[in-house]
Amino acid sequence: MNSKEKPDDFYERFREKLEKSQNWPGLYMFKFITNSNSNQINRLKDLFNNPTEGVSLVNSSKKKYQSLTITIEMKSPREVIAIYKKASEFQGVIIL
């Protein structure tokens, strides 16, 4: 999303792209990056009810950052967007 774009417009376009790009319900891959010394990884996992499968946590080469990837069954593009909106409220989290 660019700085001039309204969030609602961005998410509506994103929803349309998600609907066209795959079948729903279906697997969706979320990826986040955060500082290694923050508690944001646990907060992010909480958004997904702490899944035990489809989760990958990788440290950067200097261990300053962590990358969290969660691949999980989602019911619809709206459900995906709801997760992204909640994650966007977390300080220090980069959403890919």
Protein backbone atom coordinates (compact mmCIF):
# COMPACT_ATOMS: atom_id res chain seq x y z
CA MET A 1 0.00 0.00 0.00
CA ASN A 2 1.43 3.39 -0.90
CA SER A 3 1.17 6.39 1.41
CA LYS A 4 -1.55 8.10 -0.68
CA GLU A 5 -3.81 5.07 -0.94
CA LYS A 6 -6.70 4.64 1.46
CA PRO A 7 -6.48 1.39 3.45
CA ASP A 8 -10.03 0.40 2.50
CA ASP A 9 -9.22 0.76 -1.20
CA PHE A 10 -6.04 -1.28 -0.80
CA TYR A 11 -7.80 -4.11 1.05
CA GLU A 12 -10.65 -4.20 -1.46
CA ARG A 13 -8.19 -4.59 -4.36
CA PHE A 14 -6.27 -7.20 -2.36
CA ARG A 15 -9.49 -9.13 -1.65
CA GLU A 16 -10.33 -9.18 -5.37
CA LYS A 17 -6.85 -10.49 -6.22
CA LEU A 18 -7.08 -13.19 -3.56
CA GLU A 19 -10.46 -14.34 -4.87
CA LYS A 20 -9.06 -14.69 -8.37
CA SER A 21 -5.73 -16.25 -7.41
CA GLN A 22 -6.90 -19.40 -5.64
CA ASN A 23 -9.82 -21.51 -4.51
CA TRP A 24 -11.44 -20.90 -1.14
CA PRO A 25 -11.26 -22.37 1.39
CA GLY A 26 -7.60 -23.07 0.83
CA LEU A 27 -4.08 -22.93 2.17
CA TYR A 28 -2.60 -19.46 2.50
CA MET A 29 0.96 -18.53 3.44
CA PHE A 30 1.54 -15.58 5.78
CA LYS A 31 5.04 -14.19 6.31
CA PHE A 32 6.16 -11.73 8.95
CA ILE A 33 9.52 -10.32 10.06
CA THR A 34 10.25 -8.90 13.50
CA ASN A 35 13.15 -8.18 15.83
CA SER A 36 14.48 -11.29 17.52
CA ASN A 37 14.28 -9.77 20.98
CA SER A 38 10.58 -8.87 20.79
CA ASN A 39 7.57 -10.86 21.92
CA GLN A 40 5.78 -10.25 18.63
CA ILE A 41 6.30 -13.81 17.38
CA ASN A 42 4.05 -15.13 20.13
CA ARG A 43 1.48 -12.42 19.49
CA LEU A 44 1.46 -13.27 15.79
CA LYS A 45 1.03 -16.97 16.50
CA ASP A 46 -1.90 -16.08 18.77
CA LEU A 47 -3.68 -14.62 15.74
CA PHE A 48 -3.78 -18.17 14.38
CA ASN A 49 -4.61 -19.88 17.69
CA ASN A 50 -0.99 -21.07 18.05
CA PRO A 51 -0.79 -23.58 15.20
CA THR A 52 1.59 -26.51 15.56
CA GLU A 53 1.80 -27.42 11.87
CA GLY A 54 2.75 -25.24 8.92
CA VAL A 55 4.91 -22.93 11.05
CA SER A 56 8.50 -21.96 10.23
CA LEU A 57 10.66 -19.64 12.31
CA VAL A 58 14.03 -18.60 10.85
CA ASN A 59 16.66 -16.31 12.35
CA SER A 60 18.59 -13.87 10.20
CA SER A 61 22.32 -14.52 9.76
CA LYS A 62 23.22 -12.10 12.57
CA LYS A 63 20.20 -13.20 14.64
CA LYS A 64 18.86 -9.66 14.77
CA TYR A 65 15.58 -10.56 13.05
CA GLN A 66 13.24 -13.52 12.86
CA SER A 67 11.05 -14.54 9.96
CA LEU A 68 7.79 -16.28 10.80
CA THR A 69 5.96 -18.16 8.06
CA ILE A 70 2.58 -19.72 8.74
CA THR A 71 0.78 -21.77 6.11
CA ILE A 72 -2.76 -22.43 7.21
CA GLU A 73 -6.21 -23.21 5.85
CA MET A 74 -8.24 -20.03 5.45
CA LYS A 75 -11.96 -19.88 4.68
CA SER A 76 -11.97 -16.77 2.52
CA PRO A 77 -10.03 -13.68 1.42
CA ARG A 78 -11.88 -11.70 4.11
CA GLU A 79 -10.44 -14.01 6.77
CA VAL A 80 -6.92 -13.44 5.37
CA ILE A 81 -7.41 -9.68 5.40
CA ALA A 82 -8.70 -9.75 8.98
CA ILE A 83 -5.41 -11.39 10.05
CA TYR A 84 -3.35 -8.80 8.18
CA LYS A 85 -5.31 -5.92 9.73
CA LYS A 86 -4.72 -7.27 13.24
CA ALA A 87 -1.02 -7.90 12.55
CA SER A 88 -0.59 -4.37 11.17
CA GLU A 89 -1.36 -3.02 14.65
CA PHE A 90 1.72 -4.74 16.14
CA GLN A 91 4.75 -2.47 16.56
CA GLY A 92 7.92 -3.59 14.79
CA VAL A 93 6.29 -6.23 12.56
CA ILE A 94 6.94 -6.22 8.84
CA ILE A 95 4.24 -7.95 6.81
CA LEU A 96 5.33 -9.54 3.54
